[in-house]
């Protein structure tokens, strides 16, 4: 990288390859890392290596874990008849933070996106169908993201699961708390009206 020592330019280039990290953010992160005490830099490098070495995907739900099956799938207190389908492992944390959902999960590994070359065959949809047909599942909750790809993925899965006599639901979507109606798009308003509840 022009103007930087070779090792610093290499660090910036690697950081830039991360999702959502542009040139300036990569530079800030690189300088932050360089300003760490040697022990702090060593700990960061060790944490990255350890995560790469120890983390695997659960053979049941495809969540990240250090033990197979993961702690959710292995928990006998969880409702094994309800599966919440999400796109990525990070979505699991968002739902678990609420503390209300007591079922299990199924992580697809993304969403259907023809523009990015991701088809249903690239996701863990076949594995979901296998779970539904072999485990006596009562309900599948589709919690994919409320964007074009997430909606397409949810509709595709719902269509596949319909003949299997399992209840398929979709999480409600609508106006976020603190949001203004004037900034809501038509689809968000439609979903908010459809998901209305009696108070």
Protein backbone atom coordinates (compact mmCIF):
# COMPACT_ATOMS: atom_id res chain seq x y z
CA UNK A 1 0.00 0.00 0.00
CA UNK A 2 1.44 3.34 -1.10
CA UNK A 3 3.02 5.36 1.70
CA UNK A 4 2.78 2.71 4.41
CA UNK A 5 5.43 0.22 5.48
CA UNK A 6 4.80 -3.14 3.83
CA UNK A 7 3.63 -4.90 7.01
CA UNK A 8 1.16 -2.11 7.86
CA UNK A 9 -0.19 -2.07 4.30
CA UNK A 10 -0.68 -5.84 4.48
CA UNK A 11 -2.60 -5.52 7.78
CA UNK A 12 -4.84 -2.80 6.31
CA UNK A 13 -5.48 -4.91 3.20
CA UNK A 14 -6.56 -7.89 5.34
CA UNK A 15 -8.84 -5.76 7.50
CA UNK A 16 -10.41 -4.21 4.35
CA UNK A 17 -11.56 -7.66 3.23
CA UNK A 18 -13.91 -7.91 6.20
CA UNK A 19 -17.61 -7.14 5.55
CA UNK A 20 -18.52 -3.50 6.08
CA UNK A 21 -14.89 -2.39 6.49
CA UNK A 22 -13.71 0.25 4.04
CA UNK A 23 -10.28 1.82 3.59
CA UNK A 24 -10.58 4.41 6.38
CA UNK A 25 -12.03 1.99 8.93
CA UNK A 26 -9.33 -0.56 8.07
CA UNK A 27 -6.68 2.11 8.66
CA UNK A 28 -8.22 3.08 12.02
CA UNK A 29 -8.36 -0.56 13.11
CA UNK A 30 -4.79 -1.18 11.99
CA UNK A 31 -3.49 1.80 13.96
CA UNK A 32 -5.55 0.72 16.98
CA UNK A 33 -3.97 -2.73 16.81
CA UNK A 34 -0.52 -1.20 16.50
CA UNK A 35 -1.16 0.93 19.60
CA UNK A 36 -2.02 -2.10 21.71
CA UNK A 37 0.48 -3.28 24.28
CA UNK A 38 2.38 -6.32 22.93
CA UNK A 39 0.33 -8.57 25.27
CA UNK A 40 -2.93 -7.08 23.97
CA UNK A 41 -1.91 -7.67 20.35
CA UNK A 42 -0.85 -11.22 21.23
CA UNK A 43 -4.18 -11.85 23.01
CA UNK A 44 -6.12 -10.56 19.97
CA UNK A 45 -4.16 -12.79 17.59
CA UNK A 46 -4.61 -15.75 19.94
CA UNK A 47 -8.38 -15.14 20.22
CA UNK A 48 -8.70 -15.17 16.41
CA UNK A 49 -6.68 -18.39 16.11
CA UNK A 50 -8.56 -20.05 18.96
CA UNK A 51 -11.95 -19.18 17.46
CA UNK A 52 -10.87 -20.61 14.09
CA UNK A 53 -9.59 -23.80 15.72
CA UNK A 54 -12.35 -24.49 18.26
CA UNK A 55 -15.57 -23.34 16.59
CA UNK A 56 -17.54 -25.85 14.52
CA UNK A 57 -21.09 -25.99 13.21
CA UNK A 58 -23.66 -27.95 15.21
CA UNK A 59 -24.65 -31.06 13.25
CA UNK A 60 -28.32 -30.50 14.18
CA UNK A 61 -29.03 -26.76 13.82
CA UNK A 62 -25.79 -25.45 12.18
CA UNK A 63 -25.14 -22.87 14.89
CA UNK A 64 -21.55 -22.10 15.86
CA UNK A 65 -20.43 -24.16 18.83
CA UNK A 66 -17.43 -25.71 20.52
CA UNK A 67 -19.36 -28.92 21.32
CA UNK A 68 -21.60 -30.96 19.03
CA UNK A 69 -24.53 -30.81 19.43
CA UNK A 70 -24.67 -27.20 20.61
CA UNK A 71 -25.96 -26.30 24.07
CA UNK A 72 -29.42 -25.37 22.72
CA UNK A 73 -29.94 -28.64 20.82
CA UNK A 74 -28.64 -30.63 23.81
CA UNK A 75 -30.86 -28.85 26.35
CA UNK A 76 -33.73 -31.18 27.37
CA UNK A 77 -35.71 -28.17 28.67
CA UNK A 78 -35.99 -26.64 25.20
CA UNK A 79 -39.15 -27.28 23.19
CA UNK A 80 -37.83 -29.63 20.51
CA UNK A 81 -41.12 -29.43 18.54
CA UNK A 82 -40.67 -25.75 17.61
CA UNK A 83 -37.93 -24.65 15.23
CA UNK A 84 -37.06 -21.00 14.61
CA UNK A 85 -35.41 -20.66 11.19
CA UNK A 86 -32.83 -17.87 10.98
CA UNK A 87 -30.25 -16.84 8.40
CA UNK A 88 -27.02 -16.54 10.39
CA UNK A 89 -25.64 -17.54 13.81
CA UNK A 90 -25.59 -13.87 14.87
CA UNK A 91 -29.41 -13.79 14.55
CA UNK A 92 -29.63 -16.45 17.27
CA UNK A 93 -28.15 -14.08 19.85
CA UNK A 94 -30.76 -11.41 19.05
CA UNK A 95 -33.63 -13.81 19.73
CA UNK A 96 -32.02 -15.38 22.81
CA UNK A 97 -31.50 -11.93 24.39
CA UNK A 98 -35.27 -11.56 24.72
CA UNK A 99 -35.41 -14.65 26.95
CA UNK A 100 -38.90 -15.69 25.81
CA UNK A 101 -38.31 -18.20 23.02
CA UNK A 102 -37.88 -21.73 24.37
CA UNK A 103 -37.73 -23.74 21.14
CA UNK A 104 -34.72 -24.76 19.05
CA UNK A 105 -33.14 -23.18 15.96
CA UNK A 106 -32.15 -23.96 12.41
CA UNK A 107 -29.53 -21.73 10.79
CA UNK A 108 -29.73 -21.56 7.00
CA UNK A 109 -26.31 -20.03 6.38
CA UNK A 110 -27.68 -17.06 4.45
CA UNK A 111 -30.65 -16.27 2.25
CA UNK A 112 -31.61 -16.90 -1.35
CA UNK A 113 -29.91 -14.21 -3.44
CA UNK A 114 -29.63 -14.69 -7.20
CA UNK A 115 -27.56 -11.50 -7.50
CA UNK A 116 -24.93 -12.99 -5.18
CA UNK A 117 -25.25 -16.43 -6.78
CA UNK A 118 -26.83 -18.01 -3.67
CA UNK A 119 -29.51 -20.58 -4.52
CA UNK A 120 -31.64 -22.77 -2.23
CA UNK A 121 -29.08 -25.54 -2.73
CA UNK A 122 -26.45 -23.35 -1.04
CA UNK A 123 -28.53 -23.11 2.15
CA UNK A 124 -29.42 -25.70 4.81
CA UNK A 125 -32.99 -26.07 3.51
CA UNK A 126 -32.80 -29.81 2.75
CA UNK A 127 -31.54 -30.37 6.29
CA UNK A 128 -34.52 -28.39 7.64
CA UNK A 129 -36.95 -30.55 5.66
CA UNK A 130 -35.22 -33.67 7.04
CA UNK A 131 -35.62 -32.37 10.60
CA UNK A 132 -39.28 -31.58 10.08
CA UNK A 133 -40.08 -34.98 8.57
CA UNK A 134 -38.09 -37.06 11.05
CA UNK A 135 -38.56 -35.29 14.39
CA UNK A 136 -42.30 -34.67 14.83
CA UNK A 137 -41.98 -30.89 14.54
CA UNK A 138 -45.20 -29.01 15.36
CA UNK A 139 -44.24 -25.49 14.26
CA UNK A 140 -41.60 -23.81 12.11
CA UNK A 141 -41.15 -20.09 12.75
CA UNK A 142 -39.60 -18.27 9.79
CA UNK A 143 -37.44 -15.46 11.19
CA UNK A 144 -35.46 -14.49 8.10
CA UNK A 145 -34.60 -10.82 7.62
CA UNK A 146 -37.39 -8.50 6.43
CA UNK A 147 -35.65 -7.65 3.15
CA UNK A 148 -36.16 -8.91 -0.40
CA UNK A 149 -33.81 -11.90 0.05
CA UNK A 150 -35.24 -12.81 3.46
CA UNK A 151 -38.83 -12.62 2.19
CA UNK A 152 -38.00 -14.76 -0.86
CA UNK A 153 -36.30 -17.33 1.38
CA UNK A 154 -39.26 -17.43 3.79
CA UNK A 155 -41.76 -17.88 0.94
CA UNK A 156 -39.63 -20.62 -0.63
CA UNK A 157 -39.38 -22.54 2.66
CA UNK A 158 -43.09 -22.10 3.42
CA UNK A 159 -43.95 -23.53 0.00
CA UNK A 160 -41.71 -26.57 0.57
CA UNK A 161 -43.05 -27.21 4.10
CA UNK A 162 -46.74 -26.75 3.26
CA UNK A 163 -47.32 -30.39 2.15
CA UNK A 164 -45.65 -31.71 5.34
CA UNK A 165 -48.60 -30.87 7.63
CA UNK A 166 -46.53 -28.64 9.90
CA UNK A 167 -47.62 -25.22 11.16
CA UNK A 168 -45.47 -22.55 9.45
CA UNK A 169 -45.49 -19.01 10.88
CA UNK A 170 -43.60 -15.82 10.07
CA UNK A 171 -42.39 -13.35 12.68
CA UNK A 172 -44.37 -10.11 12.72
CA UNK A 173 -42.79 -7.07 11.16
CA UNK A 174 -43.69 -3.44 11.30
CA UNK A 175 -42.80 -0.04 12.65
CA UNK A 176 -39.88 -0.17 15.11
CA UNK A 177 -40.23 1.43 18.53
CA UNK A 178 -39.07 5.03 18.21
CA UNK A 179 -39.72 5.04 14.46
CA UNK A 180 -41.84 7.67 12.70
CA UNK A 181 -44.69 6.65 10.39
CA UNK A 182 -43.66 9.22 7.80
CA UNK A 183 -40.40 7.33 7.19
CA UNK A 184 -41.96 3.88 6.87
CA UNK A 185 -42.11 2.37 3.40
CA UNK A 186 -45.29 0.78 2.01
CA UNK A 187 -44.25 -2.83 2.72
CA UNK A 188 -43.37 -2.03 6.34
CA UNK A 189 -46.72 -0.27 6.82
CA UNK A 190 -48.57 -3.19 5.22
CA UNK A 191 -46.79 -5.69 7.51
CA UNK A 192 -47.48 -3.50 10.55
CA UNK A 193 -51.19 -3.44 9.73
CA UNK A 194 -51.31 -7.18 9.04
CA UNK A 195 -49.54 -7.95 12.32
CA UNK A 196 -51.75 -5.73 14.46
CA UNK A 197 -52.96 -7.10 17.79
CA UNK A 198 -55.88 -6.28 20.05
CA UNK A 199 -54.96 -4.23 23.13
